[in-house]
């Protein structure tokens, strides 16, 4: 009789942090891609503040996303900043923008 298999492994991605020396989280790759796609879609249309960005993300995926939308949003946002895909303006309040 074959041994019972453990839970199927979930592909994870190690996210980056924009502050040197800080380590960001490892999260499920499928959640990373979903959040990334939606953050980039939001930023393609506007330059929101942090609060506006997280609210827009929640409006897009909040009803169907399995997990904390704003927690994942923050982790992926930091990763995209570290990869220089998005950036912050020098205005007050800071706004987020695509850099690519």
Protein backbone atom coordinates (compact mmCIF):
# COMPACT_ATOMS: atom_id res chain seq x y z
CA UNK A 1 0.00 0.00 0.00
CA UNK A 2 1.50 3.41 -1.00
CA UNK A 3 2.22 5.86 1.82
CA UNK A 4 -0.21 8.66 2.43
CA UNK A 5 0.95 11.70 0.58
CA UNK A 6 1.39 14.97 2.36
CA UNK A 7 -0.47 18.05 1.25
CA UNK A 8 0.48 19.01 -2.28
CA UNK A 9 3.28 21.53 -2.18
CA UNK A 10 2.29 25.04 -3.10
CA UNK A 11 4.72 26.95 -5.26
CA UNK A 12 6.06 29.91 -3.28
CA UNK A 13 7.90 33.04 -4.32
CA UNK A 14 10.41 34.87 -2.12
CA UNK A 15 9.45 38.52 -2.34
CA UNK A 16 11.95 41.34 -2.06
CA UNK A 17 11.96 44.40 0.20
CA UNK A 18 13.01 47.88 -1.00
CA UNK A 19 14.94 48.61 2.22
CA UNK A 20 18.41 47.02 2.08
CA UNK A 21 18.87 44.35 4.73
CA UNK A 22 15.15 43.77 5.26
CA UNK A 23 13.67 40.45 4.19
CA UNK A 24 10.17 40.25 2.80
CA UNK A 25 7.82 37.26 2.99
CA UNK A 26 7.55 34.05 0.99
CA UNK A 27 4.03 33.81 -0.43
CA UNK A 28 2.08 31.53 -2.76
CA UNK A 29 3.04 32.23 -6.37
CA UNK A 30 -0.57 32.21 -7.61
CA UNK A 31 -1.59 34.84 -5.04
CA UNK A 32 1.50 36.90 -5.88
CA UNK A 33 0.63 36.88 -9.59
CA UNK A 34 -3.03 37.79 -9.00
CA UNK A 35 -2.19 40.70 -6.70
CA UNK A 36 0.66 41.89 -8.96
CA UNK A 37 -1.57 41.85 -12.05
CA UNK A 38 -4.23 43.91 -10.28
CA UNK A 39 -1.81 46.40 -8.72
CA UNK A 40 -0.22 47.04 -12.12
CA UNK A 41 -3.66 47.43 -13.74
CA UNK A 42 -4.60 50.05 -11.13
CA UNK A 43 -1.31 51.91 -11.57
CA UNK A 44 -1.68 51.88 -15.36
CA UNK A 45 -4.73 54.15 -14.95
CA UNK A 46 -3.92 56.38 -11.98
CA UNK A 47 -1.33 57.47 -9.40
CA UNK A 48 -3.04 56.64 -6.09
CA UNK A 49 -1.96 57.26 -2.53
CA UNK A 50 -1.21 54.17 -0.43
CA UNK A 51 -4.73 54.11 0.98
CA UNK A 52 -6.31 54.60 -2.45
CA UNK A 53 -4.16 51.82 -3.91
CA UNK A 54 -5.13 49.32 -1.22
CA UNK A 55 -8.81 50.29 -1.44
CA UNK A 56 -8.77 49.90 -5.24
CA UNK A 57 -7.11 46.49 -4.89
CA UNK A 58 -9.74 45.41 -2.38
CA UNK A 59 -12.54 46.59 -4.70
CA UNK A 60 -11.07 44.50 -7.54
CA UNK A 61 -10.38 41.20 -5.76
CA UNK A 62 -11.68 41.42 -2.18
CA UNK A 63 -14.81 39.35 -2.64
CA UNK A 64 -13.03 36.37 -4.19
CA UNK A 65 -9.50 36.48 -2.75
CA UNK A 66 -8.59 33.81 -0.19
CA UNK A 67 -6.60 35.74 2.41
CA UNK A 68 -5.98 39.27 3.58
CA UNK A 69 -6.10 41.41 0.45
CA UNK A 70 -4.35 44.37 2.01
CA UNK A 71 -1.66 42.22 3.66
CA UNK A 72 -0.85 40.53 0.35
CA UNK A 73 -1.17 43.88 -1.40
CA UNK A 74 1.46 45.40 0.88
CA UNK A 75 3.87 42.47 0.44
CA UNK A 76 3.57 42.53 -3.36
CA UNK A 77 3.74 46.35 -3.48
CA UNK A 78 7.02 46.28 -1.56
CA UNK A 79 8.34 43.59 -3.89
CA UNK A 80 7.42 45.64 -6.96
CA UNK A 81 9.15 48.66 -5.43
CA UNK A 82 12.29 46.61 -4.75
CA UNK A 83 12.26 45.41 -8.37
CA UNK A 84 11.87 49.04 -9.56
CA UNK A 85 8.60 48.24 -11.35
CA UNK A 86 6.69 50.80 -9.30
CA UNK A 87 7.85 53.84 -7.38
CA UNK A 88 6.71 56.63 -5.10
CA UNK A 89 6.38 60.24 -6.08
CA UNK A 90 8.15 62.96 -4.08
CA UNK A 91 4.82 64.76 -3.49
CA UNK A 92 2.88 65.00 -0.25
CA UNK A 93 1.02 62.75 0.07
CA UNK A 94 3.18 60.18 -1.69
CA UNK A 95 1.57 58.53 -4.68
CA UNK A 96 2.46 55.32 -6.45
CA UNK A 97 3.35 55.17 -10.10
CA UNK A 98 4.67 52.71 -12.67
CA UNK A 99 8.37 53.19 -13.38
CA UNK A 100 8.69 50.88 -16.36
